[in-house]
Protein backbone atom coordinates (compact mmCIF):
# COMPACT_ATOMS: atom_id res chain seq x y z
CA UNK A 1 -16.99 -6.39 -8.13
CA UNK A 2 -17.48 -3.58 -5.70
CA UNK A 3 -19.78 -0.73 -4.86
CA UNK A 4 -18.50 2.74 -5.87
CA UNK A 5 -18.61 4.30 -2.56
CA UNK A 6 -18.43 2.28 0.65
CA UNK A 7 -16.33 -0.55 1.91
CA UNK A 8 -18.63 -3.35 0.97
CA UNK A 9 -19.50 -4.92 -2.29
CA UNK A 10 -23.27 -5.27 -1.91
CA UNK A 11 -24.35 -2.97 -4.71
CA UNK A 12 -24.18 -5.81 -7.30
CA UNK A 13 -27.51 -7.08 -6.04
CA UNK A 14 -28.94 -3.68 -5.20
CA UNK A 15 -28.51 -3.82 -1.41
CA UNK A 16 -27.27 -0.70 0.45
CA UNK A 17 -23.96 -0.79 2.29
CA UNK A 18 -24.11 -1.10 5.95
CA UNK A 19 -23.18 2.02 7.76
CA UNK A 20 -19.48 1.75 8.45
CA UNK A 21 -18.45 0.94 11.92
CA UNK A 22 -15.87 2.84 13.94
CA UNK A 23 -12.36 1.38 13.79
CA UNK A 24 -12.46 -2.09 15.59
CA UNK A 25 -11.17 -2.23 18.90
CA UNK A 26 -7.60 -3.65 18.88
CA UNK A 27 -5.32 -5.18 21.59
CA UNK A 28 -2.74 -2.47 21.33
CA UNK A 29 -4.21 0.61 19.67
CA UNK A 30 -5.98 -3.79 15.92
CA UNK A 31 1.64 -1.15 -12.60
CA UNK A 32 4.82 -0.22 -10.47
CA UNK A 33 5.80 -0.46 -6.83
CA UNK A 34 5.25 3.00 -5.11
CA UNK A 35 8.49 4.61 -3.95
CA UNK A 36 9.89 3.27 -0.62
CA UNK A 37 9.14 5.61 2.20
CA UNK A 38 11.37 6.27 5.25
CA UNK A 39 10.99 3.71 8.14
CA UNK A 40 7.91 4.84 9.96
CA UNK A 41 7.93 5.97 13.53
CA UNK A 42 5.11 5.01 15.85
CA UNK A 43 3.70 8.55 15.92
CA UNK A 44 3.96 9.25 12.15
CA UNK A 45 2.53 6.30 10.15
CA UNK A 46 -1.04 5.46 10.57
CA UNK A 47 -1.57 7.77 7.70
CA UNK A 48 1.09 7.89 4.98
CA UNK A 49 0.17 10.62 2.46
CA UNK A 50 1.78 10.49 -1.05
CA UNK A 51 5.02 12.33 -1.42
CA UNK A 52 3.96 14.05 -4.65
CA UNK A 53 0.30 15.06 -4.99
CA UNK A 54 -1.32 13.70 -8.04
CA UNK A 55 -4.08 15.72 -9.82
CA UNK A 56 -6.65 13.50 -11.02
CA UNK A 57 -10.42 13.90 -12.07
CA UNK A 58 -12.87 13.20 -9.40
CA UNK A 59 -15.55 10.60 -10.05
CA UNK A 60 -19.15 11.94 -10.74
CA UNK A 61 -20.57 10.68 -7.44
CA UNK A 62 -18.03 12.87 -5.47
CA UNK A 63 -19.94 16.07 -6.55
CA UNK A 64 -23.20 14.63 -5.19
CA UNK A 65 -21.77 13.84 -1.73
CA UNK A 66 -22.30 16.19 1.26
CA UNK A 67 -19.49 18.43 2.17
CA UNK A 68 -18.26 16.31 5.10
CA UNK A 69 -18.35 13.19 2.84
CA UNK A 70 -16.35 14.93 0.26
CA UNK A 71 -13.73 15.67 2.92
CA UNK A 72 -13.68 11.97 3.89
CA UNK A 73 -13.28 11.01 0.24
CA UNK A 74 -10.29 13.45 -0.10
CA UNK A 75 -8.73 12.16 3.14
CA UNK A 76 -8.88 8.71 1.58
CA UNK A 77 -7.64 9.93 -1.76
CA UNK A 78 -4.44 11.47 -0.16
CA UNK A 79 -2.96 8.25 1.13
CA UNK A 80 -1.41 6.08 -1.41
CA UNK A 81 0.24 3.24 0.74
CA UNK A 82 0.47 1.60 4.08
CA UNK A 83 3.49 1.53 6.43
CA UNK A 84 4.08 -2.17 5.54
CA UNK A 85 7.48 -3.90 5.42
CA UNK A 86 6.78 -7.53 4.59
CA UNK A 87 8.32 -10.28 6.77
CA UNK A 88 9.84 -13.46 5.31
CA UNK A 89 6.89 -15.26 6.88
CA UNK A 90 4.34 -13.14 4.90
CA UNK A 91 6.14 -14.15 1.60
CA UNK A 92 5.85 -17.74 2.62
CA UNK A 93 2.14 -17.34 3.31
CA UNK A 94 1.38 -15.94 0.04
CA UNK A 95 3.10 -18.92 -1.62
CA UNK A 96 1.01 -21.10 0.72
CA UNK A 97 -2.16 -19.40 -0.40
CA UNK A 98 -1.37 -19.86 -4.12
CA UNK A 99 -0.55 -23.60 -3.53
CA UNK A 100 -3.86 -23.88 -1.60
CA UNK A 101 -5.81 -22.53 -4.49
CA UNK A 102 -4.47 -25.19 -6.71
CA UNK A 103 -6.27 -27.80 -4.47
CA UNK A 104 -9.62 -26.18 -4.81
CA UNK A 105 -10.85 -26.67 -1.34
CA UNK A 106 -12.38 -23.65 0.26
CA UNK A 107 -11.62 -24.71 3.92
CA UNK A 108 -7.91 -24.99 2.98
CA UNK A 109 -7.91 -21.72 1.01
CA UNK A 110 -9.63 -20.09 4.03
CA UNK A 111 -7.10 -21.25 6.40
CA UNK A 112 -4.12 -19.98 4.22
CA UNK A 113 -5.97 -16.75 3.65
CA UNK A 114 -6.50 -16.18 7.36
CA UNK A 115 -2.78 -16.93 8.15
CA UNK A 116 -1.78 -14.23 5.62
CA UNK A 117 -4.28 -11.69 6.96
CA UNK A 118 -3.17 -12.47 10.61
CA UNK A 119 0.48 -11.69 9.65
CA UNK A 120 -0.16 -8.57 7.70
CA UNK A 121 -2.28 -7.21 10.60
CA UNK A 122 0.35 -8.17 12.91
CA UNK A 123 2.99 -6.17 10.88
CA UNK A 124 0.69 -3.15 10.82
CA UNK A 125 -0.20 -3.42 14.60
CA UNK A 126 -3.93 -3.88 14.13
CA UNK A 127 -6.31 -6.54 15.26
CA UNK A 128 -6.63 -9.43 12.86
CA UNK A 129 -9.85 -9.57 10.73
CA UNK A 130 -11.73 -12.75 10.11
CA UNK A 131 -12.39 -14.23 6.68
CA UNK A 132 -14.76 -16.82 5.21
CA UNK A 133 -13.89 -18.41 1.81
CA UNK A 134 -16.81 -19.68 -0.12
CA UNK A 135 -17.11 -21.70 -3.38
CA UNK A 136 -18.95 -20.31 -6.44
CA UNK A 137 -19.49 -16.61 -6.80
CA UNK A 138 -23.02 -15.23 -6.77
CA UNK A 139 -23.94 -13.55 -9.95
CA UNK A 140 -26.75 -11.83 -11.75
CA UNK A 141 -27.02 -9.96 -15.14
CA UNK A 142 -24.58 -7.27 -13.97
CA UNK A 143 -21.75 -9.65 -13.22
CA UNK A 144 -20.13 -11.84 -10.48
CA UNK A 145 -19.56 -10.97 -6.85
CA UNK A 146 -15.96 -11.44 -5.94
CA UNK A 147 -15.91 -10.31 -2.25
CA UNK A 148 -17.51 -8.55 0.61
CA UNK A 149 -16.30 -6.57 3.58
CA UNK A 150 -18.68 -6.12 6.45
CA UNK A 151 -17.63 -3.56 8.96
CA UNK A 152 -20.06 -5.45 11.36
CA UNK A 153 -20.73 -9.07 10.48
CA UNK A 154 -24.40 -10.11 10.20
CA UNK A 155 -25.87 -12.27 12.76
CA UNK A 156 -25.78 -16.01 12.02
CA UNK A 157 -28.76 -18.42 12.19
CA UNK A 158 -28.27 -21.56 14.41
CA UNK A 159 -28.33 -23.67 11.20
CA UNK A 160 -25.52 -21.74 9.54
CA UNK A 161 -23.43 -21.87 12.79
CA UNK A 162 -23.87 -25.65 12.94
CA UNK A 163 -22.67 -26.17 9.32
CA UNK A 164 -19.63 -23.95 9.91
CA UNK A 165 -16.33 -25.92 10.33
CA UNK A 166 -14.72 -22.95 11.94
CA UNK A 167 -15.75 -20.65 14.84
CA UNK A 168 -17.90 -17.91 13.20
CA UNK A 169 -17.08 -14.30 13.94
CA UNK A 170 -19.18 -12.68 16.57
CA UNK A 171 -22.08 -10.56 15.26
CA UNK A 172 -20.87 -6.98 14.91
CA UNK A 173 -17.18 -7.80 14.40
CA UNK A 174 -15.59 -7.04 10.97
CA UNK A 175 -15.71 -9.89 8.41
CA UNK A 176 -14.26 -10.46 4.85
CA UNK A 177 -16.14 -12.92 2.59
CA UNK A 178 -14.46 -14.12 -0.68
CA UNK A 179 -15.57 -16.49 -3.37
CA UNK A 180 -13.04 -18.60 -5.01
CA UNK A 181 -14.78 -20.15 -8.05
CA UNK A 182 -16.21 -18.50 -11.13
CA UNK A 183 -20.00 -18.43 -11.50
CA UNK A 184 -20.35 -19.89 -15.00
CA UNK A 185 -17.57 -22.63 -15.23
CA UNK A 186 -16.99 -23.03 -11.49
CA UNK A 187 -13.15 -22.70 -12.25
CA UNK A 188 -10.87 -21.72 -9.33
CA UNK A 189 -10.04 -18.14 -9.91
CA UNK A 190 -6.44 -17.25 -10.90
CA UNK A 191 -4.22 -16.96 -7.86
CA UNK A 192 -3.23 -13.24 -8.36
CA UNK A 193 -6.88 -12.31 -8.95
CA UNK A 194 -7.85 -13.97 -5.64
CA UNK A 195 -4.87 -12.23 -3.95
CA UNK A 196 -5.90 -8.88 -5.29
CA UNK A 197 -9.50 -9.43 -4.09
CA UNK A 198 -8.23 -10.37 -0.67
CA UNK A 199 -6.11 -7.33 -0.57
CA UNK A 200 -9.01 -5.04 -1.72
CA UNK A 201 -11.24 -6.17 1.20
CA UNK A 202 -8.36 -6.06 3.62
CA UNK A 203 -7.93 -2.51 2.39
CA UNK A 204 -11.39 -1.55 3.47
CA UNK A 205 -10.78 -2.99 7.03
CA UNK A 206 -7.49 -1.17 7.25
CA UNK A 207 -9.21 2.12 6.33
CA UNK A 208 -11.10 1.87 9.55
CA UNK A 209 -8.62 -0.03 11.83
CA UNK A 210 -5.24 1.60 10.74
CA UNK A 211 -5.98 4.80 9.04
CA UNK A 212 -8.89 5.67 11.24
CA UNK A 213 -10.95 6.98 8.22
CA UNK A 214 -14.66 7.52 8.97
CA UNK A 215 -15.62 5.99 5.62
CA UNK A 216 -13.93 3.58 3.11
CA UNK A 217 -14.49 5.14 -0.32
CA UNK A 218 -13.23 3.62 -3.59
CA UNK A 219 -10.99 6.65 -4.11
CA UNK A 220 -7.88 6.82 -6.27
CA UNK A 221 -5.86 6.56 -3.21
CA UNK A 222 -7.78 3.53 -2.15
CA UNK A 223 -6.82 1.60 -5.40
CA UNK A 224 -3.17 2.77 -5.04
CA UNK A 225 -3.11 1.25 -1.46
CA UNK A 226 -4.61 -2.02 -2.82
CA UNK A 227 -1.96 -2.19 -5.45
CA UNK A 228 0.66 -1.31 -2.87
CA UNK A 229 -0.35 -4.31 -0.74
CA UNK A 230 -0.34 -6.62 -3.72
CA UNK A 231 2.98 -5.63 -5.11
CA UNK A 232 4.59 -5.53 -1.76
CA UNK A 233 3.45 -9.07 -0.80
CA UNK A 234 3.75 -10.47 -4.40
CA UNK A 235 6.34 -8.57 -6.43
CA UNK A 236 5.65 -9.11 -10.13
CA UNK A 237 9.38 -9.65 -10.78
CA UNK A 238 9.71 -12.42 -8.06
CA UNK A 239 8.35 -15.83 -8.94
CA UNK A 240 6.41 -17.42 -6.14
CA UNK A 241 8.34 -20.19 -4.39
CA UNK A 242 6.54 -23.50 -4.16
CA UNK A 243 6.00 -24.47 -0.56
CA UNK A 244 7.81 -27.65 0.52
CA UNK A 245 5.47 -30.63 1.18
CA UNK A 246 5.69 -32.20 4.61
């Protein structure tokens, strides 16, 4: 469950989104499948606008935005996909993630999620974003919190750092946080639901790191980019292969 405007999901609990960071520094520069686009060239593809403009009703909050923010929203809305051609390794990593979810261990799901994020970011030529996978979703009367994207990770306390089994991201670096169990029954979420949430939060990161957008709005184009990632990495017509056990 996400906020209506920015690239975080904090509104469920009444918190304001952190002001978005500029695109993170990177080593080099870090439902139906949309139509395949021509093979991108280095100069042409950080932004990939839709080939046929789609007229759609703008959300009510758009008209309350300042003029500059409206322009940023429209810039996001004009892009419906990323210049991503998946590798065989990416498909294998999706299958590994689905298999990891069956086991129900957050640490194993986190490793599988991080591997997939690393590969997608590598294919897109951006710096990988860190992820933390936690167990039961926080919730209140408005619903359950599925995931968060922090343009700048919050500072960690010494106690939290000591409990972590992995090296935590440096304060100020981008961070994705996902929860893998439902709030009421503590069931592991369905694999495709988890994958979509993961791609949703990755989409916020790519808005900054790849598309160089000043803000990450929940525009129609944003949701099309999210669907593009899901359907490119996990085509509905192609059953997921079960990874071979060692």
